[in-house]
Amino acid sequence: MYFAGVDIGSTMTKVVIVNDGLRASVIGPTGPEHRLLAYQVMEDALRKASLAFEEITYIIATGYGRVNVPFADKQVTEISCHARGVASIFPQARTVIDIGGQDCKGIKLQEGRVREFVMNDKCAAGTGRFLEVLAEALGVRLGELGPLSLKAQRAVKVSSTCTVFAEQEIASYLAEGTPVEELIAGVHEAIAIRILAMVERIKVEREIVVTGGGAKNSGLLKALEQKLKAPLLVPPEPLITGALGAALLGREAALKAQATGQPLARKERKLERASLGP
């Protein structure tokens, strides 16, 4: 049997297909047409896995746009799916820090299940979007932020965590001739301080796993490790843990139904553009 997880995040959409292990994963940018994108990314994943849509036993959708996946059998919150996905990679994980495009989450795990969580979804500070805006202000590509900050001799203090005011602060530093790498290191430190303040509310415990796009930023990871005073674990592909968890939860639901003799509640579904609505 094959199972799929579809995670429509605010900036990226991910699909994972599993059976006894990971069969395929695909990542694409989230645009305004969530339904069309879900269709396209699912189709790409099926092609990569050499499977037909009819061979997928169960599909769970998660993330910001989970209600816009018309071919999903069930919707599950991203908190539960991230927890399940991380636990499958790092069974010893106790704390998850997910740094997404528009929000940041802290999840406390106990034996692989969600014990409690906190979320910053009201402000861009501490998210991928914050880094994108500041990369533009500094005139560097997003992927260059990490390597550049690691070259800094020091981190200048960026006191504002508001995106607009931080841009103004950075412009002032640039006018004074402050090296770009020191500014980036300062931004990473400011974000790390903000994330630390959030996750301390759930009492951080090792092992700590970082997921999301922020986990690909080596400078931010270094700043977080310094503030948390603990090493951080990062999945091989930190963007797909939510989709992976969704697929695994689908597999568990199917196996439970099989073991108990109960029918698996599935939607009548088809993967056709016509089924996506206007």
C-alpha atoms as a PDB file:
ATOM      1  CA  MET A   1       0.000   0.000   0.000  1.00  0.00           C
ATOM      2  CA  TYR A   2       1.080   3.558  -0.676  1.00  0.00           C
ATOM      3  CA  PHE A   3       0.243   6.687   1.311  1.00  0.00           C
ATOM      4  CA  ALA A   4       0.662  10.377   0.521  1.00  0.00           C
ATOM      5  CA  GLY A   5       1.021  13.512   2.612  1.00  0.00           C
ATOM      6  CA  VAL A   6       0.375  16.936   1.078  1.00  0.00           C
ATOM      7  CA  ASP A   7       1.653  19.939   3.040  1.00  0.00           C
ATOM      8  CA  ILE A   8       0.579  23.317   1.660  1.00  0.00           C
ATOM      9  CA  GLY A   9       2.655  25.860   3.539  1.00  0.00           C
ATOM     10  CA  SER A  10       2.545  29.616   3.190  1.00  0.00           C
ATOM     11  CA  THR A  11       5.556  29.667   0.850  1.00  0.00           C
ATOM     12  CA  MET A  12       6.240  26.048  -0.199  1.00  0.00           C
ATOM     13  CA  THR A  13       4.070  23.031  -1.010  1.00  0.00           C
ATOM     14  CA  LYS A  14       5.408  19.538  -0.336  1.00  0.00           C
ATOM     15  CA  VAL A  15       4.211  16.029  -1.234  1.00  0.00           C
ATOM     16  CA  VAL A  16       5.627  12.813   0.202  1.00  0.00           C
ATOM     17  CA  ILE A  17       4.685   9.265  -0.814  1.00  0.00           C
ATOM     18  CA  VAL A  18       5.580   6.342   1.453  1.00  0.00           C
ATOM     19  CA  ASN A  19       5.037   2.603   1.676  1.00  0.00           C
ATOM     20  CA  ASP A  20       7.473   0.782   3.974  1.00  0.00           C
ATOM     21  CA  GLY A  21       9.850   3.710   3.470  1.00  0.00           C
ATOM     22  CA  LEU A  22      10.082   6.984   1.599  1.00  0.00           C
ATOM     23  CA  ARG A  23       9.096   6.399  -2.019  1.00  0.00           C
ATOM     24  CA  ALA A  24       9.128   9.967  -3.380  1.00  0.00           C
ATOM     25  CA  SER A  25       9.093  13.615  -2.315  1.00  0.00           C
ATOM     26  CA  VAL A  26       8.493  16.804  -4.270  1.00  0.00           C
ATOM     27  CA  ILE A  27       8.740  20.458  -3.226  1.00  0.00           C
ATOM     28  CA  GLY A  28       7.281  23.421  -5.112  1.00  0.00           C
ATOM     29  CA  PRO A  29       6.539  27.088  -4.380  1.00  0.00           C
ATOM     30  CA  THR A  30       3.087  27.879  -3.011  1.00  0.00           C
ATOM     31  CA  GLY A  31       1.247  30.327  -5.239  1.00  0.00           C
ATOM     32  CA  PRO A  32      -2.228  31.893  -5.059  1.00  0.00           C
ATOM     33  CA  GLU A  33      -3.873  28.863  -6.711  1.00  0.00           C
ATOM     34  CA  HIS A  34      -3.534  26.283  -3.919  1.00  0.00           C
ATOM     35  CA  ARG A  35      -5.786  23.708  -5.561  1.00  0.00           C
ATOM     36  CA  LEU A  36      -3.989  23.800  -8.889  1.00  0.00           C
ATOM     37  CA  LEU A  37      -0.600  23.626  -7.191  1.00  0.00           C
ATOM     38  CA  ALA A  38      -1.658  20.663  -5.033  1.00  0.00           C
ATOM     39  CA  TYR A  39      -2.681  18.866  -8.211  1.00  0.00           C
ATOM     40  CA  GLN A  40       0.593  19.659  -9.986  1.00  0.00           C
ATOM     41  CA  VAL A  41       2.874  18.678  -7.107  1.00  0.00           C
ATOM     42  CA  MET A  42       0.911  15.476  -6.457  1.00  0.00           C
ATOM     43  CA  GLU A  43       1.197  14.589 -10.128  1.00  0.00           C
ATOM     44  CA  ASP A  44       4.967  15.222 -10.007  1.00  0.00           C
ATOM     45  CA  ALA A  45       5.315  12.981  -6.943  1.00  0.00           C
ATOM     46  CA  LEU A  46       3.348  10.175  -8.600  1.00  0.00           C
ATOM     47  CA  ARG A  47       5.520  10.424 -11.693  1.00  0.00           C
ATOM     48  CA  LYS A  48       8.666  10.340  -9.558  1.00  0.00           C
ATOM     49  CA  ALA A  49       7.377   7.273  -7.677  1.00  0.00           C
ATOM     50  CA  SER A  50       6.225   5.580 -10.930  1.00  0.00           C
ATOM     51  CA  LEU A  51       2.720   5.184  -9.478  1.00  0.00           C
ATOM     52  CA  ALA A  52      -0.832   5.801 -10.638  1.00  0.00           C
ATOM     53  CA  PHE A  53      -3.126   7.928  -8.493  1.00  0.00           C
ATOM     54  CA  GLU A  54      -5.386   4.923  -7.945  1.00  0.00           C
ATOM     55  CA  GLU A  55      -2.519   3.092  -6.231  1.00  0.00           C
ATOM     56  CA  ILE A  56      -2.484   5.588  -3.329  1.00  0.00           C
ATOM     57  CA  THR A  57      -4.457   4.050  -0.467  1.00  0.00           C
ATOM     58  CA  TYR A  58      -4.876   7.151   1.693  1.00  0.00           C
ATOM     59  CA  ILE A  59      -4.020  10.851   1.453  1.00  0.00           C
ATOM     60  CA  ILE A  60      -3.726  13.320   4.333  1.00  0.00           C
ATOM     61  CA  ALA A  61      -3.423  17.069   3.764  1.00  0.00           C
ATOM     62  CA  THR A  62      -1.797  19.419   6.251  1.00  0.00           C
ATOM     63  CA  GLY A  63      -0.398  22.916   6.502  1.00  0.00           C
ATOM     64  CA  TYR A  64      -1.676  26.424   5.936  1.00  0.00           C
ATOM     65  CA  GLY A  65      -3.751  25.472   2.876  1.00  0.00           C
ATOM     66  CA  ARG A  66      -4.808  21.933   3.783  1.00  0.00           C
ATOM     67  CA  VAL A  67      -8.504  22.649   3.139  1.00  0.00           C
ATOM     68  CA  ASN A  68      -7.606  23.355  -0.496  1.00  0.00           C
ATOM     69  CA  VAL A  69      -6.603  19.782  -1.348  1.00  0.00           C
ATOM     70  CA  PRO A  70      -9.830  18.370  -2.820  1.00  0.00           C
ATOM     71  CA  PHE A  71      -8.442  14.872  -3.343  1.00  0.00           C
ATOM     72  CA  ALA A  72      -7.308  14.390   0.293  1.00  0.00           C
ATOM     73  CA  ASP A  73      -9.158  11.854   2.451  1.00  0.00           C
ATOM     74  CA  LYS A  74      -8.506  13.807   5.649  1.00  0.00           C
ATOM     75  CA  GLN A  75      -7.015  17.057   6.975  1.00  0.00           C
ATOM     76  CA  VAL A  76      -4.662  17.058   9.990  1.00  0.00           C
ATOM     77  CA  THR A  77      -2.989  20.044  11.686  1.00  0.00           C
ATOM     78  CA  GLU A  78       0.635  20.771  10.843  1.00  0.00           C
ATOM     79  CA  ILE A  79       1.604  20.468  14.522  1.00  0.00           C
ATOM     80  CA  SER A  80       0.633  16.773  14.619  1.00  0.00           C
ATOM     81  CA  CYS A  81       2.184  16.081  11.233  1.00  0.00           C
ATOM     82  CA  HIS A  82       5.509  17.781  12.002  1.00  0.00           C
ATOM     83  CA  ALA A  83       5.709  15.877  15.275  1.00  0.00           C
ATOM     84  CA  ARG A  84       5.090  12.533  13.551  1.00  0.00           C
ATOM     85  CA  GLY A  85       7.537  13.274  10.745  1.00  0.00           C
ATOM     86  CA  VAL A  86      10.332  14.374  13.079  1.00  0.00           C
ATOM     87  CA  ALA A  87       9.788  11.401  15.418  1.00  0.00           C
ATOM     88  CA  SER A  88      10.189   9.024  12.474  1.00  0.00           C
ATOM     89  CA  ILE A  89      13.643  10.488  11.713  1.00  0.00           C
ATOM     90  CA  PHE A  90      14.789  11.292  15.264  1.00  0.00           C
ATOM     91  CA  PRO A  91      12.903   9.022  17.733  1.00  0.00           C
ATOM     92  CA  GLN A  92      14.804  10.639  20.627  1.00  0.00           C
ATOM     93  CA  ALA A  93      13.620  14.176  19.761  1.00  0.00           C
ATOM     94  CA  ARG A  94      12.015  16.124  22.609  1.00  0.00           C
ATOM     95  CA  THR A  95      11.754  19.615  21.087  1.00  0.00           C
ATOM     96  CA  VAL A  96      11.020  20.701  17.517  1.00  0.00           C
ATOM     97  CA  ILE A  97      11.612  24.229  16.253  1.00  0.00           C
ATOM     98  CA  ASP A  98       9.972  24.734  12.864  1.00  0.00           C
ATOM     99  CA  ILE A  99      11.034  27.949  11.103  1.00  0.00           C
ATOM    100  CA  GLY A 100       8.589  28.420   8.249  1.00  0.00           C
ATOM    101  CA  GLY A 101       7.980  31.129   5.700  1.00  0.00           C
ATOM    102  CA  GLN A 102       5.293  32.980   7.651  1.00  0.00           C
ATOM    103  CA  ASP A 103       5.368  31.465  11.129  1.00  0.00           C
ATOM    104  CA  CYS A 104       7.609  29.771  13.660  1.00  0.00           C
ATOM    105  CA  LYS A 105       6.536  26.871  15.886  1.00  0.00           C
ATOM    106  CA  GLY A 106       7.913  25.200  18.970  1.00  0.00           C
ATOM    107  CA  ILE A 107       6.684  21.664  19.646  1.00  0.00           C
ATOM    108  CA  LYS A 108       7.390  19.594  22.777  1.00  0.00           C
ATOM    109  CA  LEU A 109       7.370  15.838  22.175  1.00  0.00           C
ATOM    110  CA  GLN A 110       6.908  12.937  24.522  1.00  0.00           C
ATOM    111  CA  GLU A 111       7.488   9.493  23.009  1.00  0.00           C
ATOM    112  CA  GLY A 112       6.954  10.950  19.563  1.00  0.00           C
ATOM    113  CA  ARG A 113       3.631  12.634  20.366  1.00  0.00           C
ATOM    114  CA  VAL A 114       2.747  16.285  20.861  1.00  0.00           C
ATOM    115  CA  ARG A 115       2.819  17.271  24.513  1.00  0.00           C
ATOM    116  CA  GLU A 116       2.462  21.039  24.027  1.00  0.00           C
ATOM    117  CA  PHE A 117       3.313  23.697  21.469  1.00  0.00           C
ATOM    118  CA  VAL A 118       3.719  27.424  20.912  1.00  0.00           C
ATOM    119  CA  MET A 119       3.467  29.399  17.699  1.00  0.00           C
ATOM    120  CA  ASN A 120       4.367  32.819  16.369  1.00  0.00           C
ATOM    121  CA  ASP A 121       1.964  33.446  13.495  1.00  0.00           C
ATOM    122  CA  LYS A 122       1.123  37.115  14.073  1.00  0.00           C
ATOM    123  CA  CYS A 123       4.440  38.703  13.084  1.00  0.00           C
ATOM    124  CA  ALA A 124       7.033  38.023  10.379  1.00  0.00           C
ATOM    125  CA  ALA A 125       9.952  38.349  12.814  1.00  0.00           C
ATOM    126  CA  GLY A 126      11.683  35.020  13.320  1.00  0.00           C
ATOM    127  CA  THR A 127      10.389  33.583  10.032  1.00  0.00           C
ATOM    128  CA  GLY A 128      11.678  32.956   6.543  1.00  0.00           C
ATOM    129  CA  ARG A 129       9.872  36.045   5.277  1.00  0.00           C
ATOM    130  CA  PHE A 130      11.824  38.201   7.743  1.00  0.00           C
ATOM    131  CA  LEU A 131      15.058  36.825   6.301  1.00  0.00           C
ATOM    132  CA  GLU A 132      13.867  37.325   2.710  1.00  0.00           C
ATOM    133  CA  VAL A 133      13.071  41.006   3.306  1.00  0.00           C
ATOM    134  CA  LEU A 134      16.401  41.647   5.009  1.00  0.00           C
ATOM    135  CA  ALA A 135      18.327  39.785   2.296  1.00  0.00           C
ATOM    136  CA  GLU A 136      16.756  42.150  -0.226  1.00  0.00           C
ATOM    137  CA  ALA A 137      17.700  45.146   1.934  1.00  0.00           C
ATOM    138  CA  LEU A 138      21.303  43.907   2.080  1.00  0.00           C
ATOM    139  CA  GLY A 139      21.466  43.118  -1.630  1.00  0.00           C
ATOM    140  CA  VAL A 140      22.331  39.421  -1.213  1.00  0.00           C
ATOM    141  CA  ARG A 141      20.591  36.198  -2.172  1.00  0.00           C
ATOM    142  CA  LEU A 142      18.714  34.321   0.547  1.00  0.00           C
ATOM    143  CA  GLY A 143      20.979  31.288   0.217  1.00  0.00           C
ATOM    144  CA  GLU A 144      24.069  33.444   0.838  1.00  0.00           C
ATOM    145  CA  LEU A 145      22.967  34.641   4.292  1.00  0.00           C
ATOM    146  CA  GLY A 146      24.275  31.622   6.192  1.00  0.00           C
ATOM    147  CA  PRO A 147      27.757  31.360   4.636  1.00  0.00           C
ATOM    148  CA  LEU A 148      28.284  35.139   4.793  1.00  0.00           C
ATOM    149  CA  SER A 149      27.353  35.418   8.475  1.00  0.00           C
ATOM    150  CA  LEU A 150      29.825  32.673   9.378  1.00  0.00           C
ATOM    151  CA  LYS A 151      32.617  34.951   8.117  1.00  0.00           C
ATOM    152  CA  ALA A 152      31.690  37.753  10.547  1.00  0.00           C
ATOM    153  CA  GLN A 153      34.187  38.773  13.217  1.00  0.00           C
ATOM    154  CA  ARG A 154      31.297  40.010  15.351  1.00  0.00           C
ATOM    155  CA  ALA A 155      27.536  40.378  15.256  1.00  0.00           C
ATOM    156  CA  VAL A 156      26.226  43.931  15.398  1.00  0.00           C
ATOM    157  CA  LYS A 157      23.178  44.466  17.565  1.00  0.00           C
ATOM    158  CA  VAL A 158      19.930  44.601  15.585  1.00  0.00           C
ATOM    159  CA  SER A 159      17.503  45.684  18.263  1.00  0.00           C
ATOM    160  CA  SER A 160      14.263  45.753  16.270  1.00  0.00           C
ATOM    161  CA  THR A 161      12.342  42.571  15.527  1.00  0.00           C
ATOM    162  CA  CYS A 162       9.793  44.443  13.423  1.00  0.00           C
ATOM    163  CA  THR A 163      10.578  43.875   9.747  1.00  0.00           C
ATOM    164  CA  VAL A 164      10.026  47.511   8.739  1.00  0.00           C
ATOM    165  CA  PHE A 165      12.081  48.978  11.589  1.00  0.00           C
ATOM    166  CA  ALA A 166      14.802  46.347  11.159  1.00  0.00           C
ATOM    167  CA  GLU A 167      15.150  47.412   7.509  1.00  0.00           C
ATOM    168  CA  GLN A 168      15.626  51.008   8.652  1.00  0.00           C
ATOM    169  CA  GLU A 169      18.168  49.943  11.262  1.00  0.00           C
ATOM    170  CA  ILE A 170      20.122  47.964   8.676  1.00  0.00           C
ATOM    171  CA  ALA A 171      20.080  50.916   6.272  1.00  0.00           C
ATOM    172  CA  SER A 172      21.633  53.071   9.021  1.00  0.00           C
ATOM    173  CA  TYR A 173      24.354  50.489   9.674  1.00  0.00           C
ATOM    174  CA  LEU A 174      25.117  50.256   5.943  1.00  0.00           C
ATOM    175  CA  ALA A 175      25.409  54.043   5.743  1.00  0.00           C
ATOM    176  CA  GLU A 176      27.990  53.871   8.562  1.00  0.00           C
ATOM    177  CA  GLY A 177      30.029  51.336   6.584  1.00  0.00           C
ATOM    178  CA  THR A 178      29.291  48.288   8.758  1.00  0.00           C
ATOM    179  CA  PRO A 179      30.377  45.066   6.953  1.00  0.00           C
ATOM    180  CA  VAL A 180      27.463  43.130   5.462  1.00  0.00           C
ATOM    181  CA  GLU A 181      28.495  39.848   7.112  1.00  0.00           C
ATOM    182  CA  GLU A 182      28.385  41.479  10.566  1.00  0.00           C
ATOM    183  CA  LEU A 183      24.913  42.807   9.833  1.00  0.00           C
ATOM    184  CA  ILE A 184      23.713  39.368   8.752  1.00  0.00           C
ATOM    185  CA  ALA A 185      25.194  37.800  11.876  1.00  0.00           C
ATOM    186  CA  GLY A 186      23.341  40.430  13.903  1.00  0.00           C
ATOM    187  CA  VAL A 187      20.065  39.625  12.162  1.00  0.00           C
ATOM    188  CA  HIS A 188      20.550  35.906  12.850  1.00  0.00           C
ATOM    189  CA  GLU A 189      21.276  36.631  16.499  1.00  0.00           C
ATOM    190  CA  ALA A 190      18.149  38.809  16.793  1.00  0.00           C
ATOM    191  CA  ILE A 191      16.019  36.046  15.272  1.00  0.00           C
ATOM    192  CA  ALA A 192      17.597  33.424  17.540  1.00  0.00           C
ATOM    193  CA  ILE A 193      16.802  35.546  20.607  1.00  0.00           C
ATOM    194  CA  ARG A 194      13.178  35.885  19.491  1.00  0.00           C
ATOM    195  CA  ILE A 195      12.831  32.153  18.801  1.00  0.00           C
ATOM    196  CA  LEU A 196      14.427  31.334  22.160  1.00  0.00           C
ATOM    197  CA  ALA A 197      11.930  33.555  23.978  1.00  0.00           C
ATOM    198  CA  MET A 198       9.087  31.695  22.256  1.00  0.00           C
ATOM    199  CA  VAL A 199      10.281  28.108  22.788  1.00  0.00           C
ATOM    200  CA  GLU A 200      11.291  28.701  26.413  1.00  0.00           C
ATOM    201  CA  ARG A 201       7.555  28.750  27.151  1.00  0.00           C
ATOM    202  CA  ILE A 202       7.462  24.974  26.529  1.00  0.00           C
ATOM    203  CA  LYS A 203      10.707  24.314  28.465  1.00  0.00           C
ATOM    204  CA  VAL A 204      13.167  23.207  25.803  1.00  0.00           C
ATOM    205  CA  GLU A 205      14.674  19.741  26.270  1.00  0.00           C
ATOM    206  CA  ARG A 206      17.243  17.826  24.237  1.00  0.00           C
ATOM    207  CA  GLU A 207      17.297  16.429  21.646  1.00  0.00           C
ATOM    208  CA  ILE A 208      16.346  19.572  19.697  1.00  0.00           C
ATOM    209  CA  VAL A 209      15.400  19.306  16.019  1.00  0.00           C
ATOM    210  CA  VAL A 210      15.107  22.274  13.652  1.00  0.00           C
ATOM    211  CA  THR A 211      12.901  22.015  10.555  1.00  0.00           C
ATOM    212  CA  GLY A 212      11.567  24.331   7.855  1.00  0.00           C
ATOM    213  CA  GLY A 213      13.448  26.613   5.497  1.00  0.00           C
ATOM    214  CA  GLY A 214      15.285  28.250   8.393  1.00  0.00           C
ATOM    215  CA  ALA A 215      17.021  24.929   9.069  1.00  0.00           C
ATOM    216  CA  LYS A 216      18.932  25.394   5.800  1.00  0.00           C
ATOM    217  CA  ASN A 217      20.553  28.597   7.051  1.00  0.00           C
ATOM    218  CA  SER A 218      23.892  27.681   8.654  1.00  0.00           C
ATOM    219  CA  GLY A 219      24.321  31.113  10.249  1.00  0.00           C
ATOM    220  CA  LEU A 220      20.916  30.998  11.900  1.00  0.00           C
ATOM    221  CA  LEU A 221      21.587  27.464  13.165  1.00  0.00           C
ATOM    222  CA  LYS A 222      24.878  28.638  14.713  1.00  0.00           C
ATOM    223  CA  ALA A 223      23.124  31.557  16.434  1.00  0.00           C
ATOM    224  CA  LEU A 224      20.388  29.250  17.735  1.00  0.00           C
ATOM    225  CA  GLU A 225      22.909  26.737  19.067  1.00  0.00           C
ATOM    226  CA  GLN A 226      24.697  29.530  20.941  1.00  0.00           C
ATOM    227  CA  LYS A 227      21.473  30.843  22.486  1.00  0.00           C
ATOM    228  CA  LEU A 228      20.072  27.393  23.333  1.00  0.00           C
ATOM    229  CA  LYS A 229      23.492  26.164  24.529  1.00  0.00           C
ATOM    230  CA  ALA A 230      22.780  22.810  22.885  1.00  0.00           C
ATOM    231  CA  PRO A 231      23.554  21.049  19.595  1.00  0.00           C
ATOM    232  CA  LEU A 232      20.799  21.001  16.991  1.00  0.00           C
ATOM    233  CA  LEU A 233      19.660  18.136  14.783  1.00  0.00           C
ATOM    234  CA  VAL A 234      18.470  18.805  11.210  1.00  0.00           C
ATOM    235  CA  PRO A 235      16.633  16.275   8.998  1.00  0.00           C
ATOM    236  CA  PRO A 236      18.203  15.416   5.616  1.00  0.00           C
ATOM    237  CA  GLU A 237      15.453  17.522   3.972  1.00  0.00           C
ATOM    238  CA  PRO A 238      13.987  19.831   6.634  1.00  0.00           C
ATOM    239  CA  LEU A 239      11.164  21.080   4.405  1.00  0.00           C
ATOM    240  CA  ILE A 240       9.288  17.787   4.104  1.00  0.00           C
ATOM    241  CA  THR A 241       8.777  16.697   7.732  1.00  0.00           C
ATOM    242  CA  GLY A 242       5.144  17.872   7.765  1.00  0.00           C
ATOM    243  CA  ALA A 243       4.272  16.047   4.546  1.00  0.00           C
ATOM    244  CA  LEU A 244       6.185  12.980   5.741  1.00  0.00           C
ATOM    245  CA  GLY A 245       4.271  12.974   9.020  1.00  0.00           C
ATOM    246  CA  ALA A 246       0.968  13.303   7.154  1.00  0.00           C
ATOM    247  CA  ALA A 247       1.808  10.292   4.969  1.00  0.00           C
ATOM    248  CA  LEU A 248       2.846   8.235   8.010  1.00  0.00           C
ATOM    249  CA  LEU A 249      -0.360   9.128   9.873  1.00  0.00           C
ATOM    250  CA  GLY A 250      -2.278   7.946   6.812  1.00  0.00           C
ATOM    251  CA  ARG A 251      -0.407   4.648   6.875  1.00  0.00           C
ATOM    252  CA  GLU A 252      -1.152   4.222  10.589  1.00  0.00           C
ATOM    253  CA  ALA A 253      -4.869   4.872   9.990  1.00  0.00           C
ATOM    254  CA  ALA A 254      -4.970   2.258   7.230  1.00  0.00           C
ATOM    255  CA  LEU A 255      -3.093  -0.365   9.250  1.00  0.00           C
ATOM    256  CA  LYS A 256      -5.356   0.237  12.258  1.00  0.00           C
ATOM    257  CA  ALA A 257      -8.454  -0.173  10.093  1.00  0.00           C
ATOM    258  CA  GLN A 258      -6.984  -3.347   8.634  1.00  0.00           C
ATOM    259  CA  ALA A 259      -6.166  -4.772  12.088  1.00  0.00           C
ATOM    260  CA  THR A 260      -9.615  -4.038  13.521  1.00  0.00           C
ATOM    261  CA  GLY A 261     -11.582  -5.007  10.440  1.00  0.00           C
ATOM    262  CA  GLN A 262     -13.068  -1.507  10.248  1.00  0.00           C
ATOM    263  CA  PRO A 263     -13.516   0.175   6.859  1.00  0.00           C
ATOM    264  CA  LEU A 264     -11.076   2.965   6.063  1.00  0.00           C
ATOM    265  CA  ALA A 265     -13.008   6.213   5.663  1.00  0.00           C
ATOM    266  CA  ARG A 266     -11.985   7.445   2.224  1.00  0.00           C
ATOM    267  CA  LYS A 267     -13.404  10.097  -0.029  1.00  0.00           C
ATOM    268  CA  GLU A 268     -14.547   9.450  -3.541  1.00  0.00           C
ATOM    269  CA  ARG A 269     -11.658  11.151  -5.257  1.00  0.00           C
ATOM    270  CA  LYS A 270      -9.941  11.553  -8.574  1.00  0.00           C
ATOM    271  CA  LEU A 271      -6.864  13.461  -9.657  1.00  0.00           C
ATOM    272  CA  GLU A 272      -8.258  15.530 -12.508  1.00  0.00           C
ATOM    273  CA  ARG A 273      -8.134  19.238 -13.162  1.00  0.00           C
ATOM    274  CA  ALA A 274     -11.898  19.236 -13.531  1.00  0.00           C
ATOM    275  CA  SER A 275     -12.203  18.024  -9.950  1.00  0.00           C
ATOM    276  CA  LEU A 276     -10.366  21.077  -8.643  1.00  0.00           C
ATOM    277  CA  GLY A 277     -13.210  23.504  -9.223  1.00  0.00           C
ATOM    278  CA  PRO A 278     -12.864  27.061 -10.514  1.00  0.00           C
END
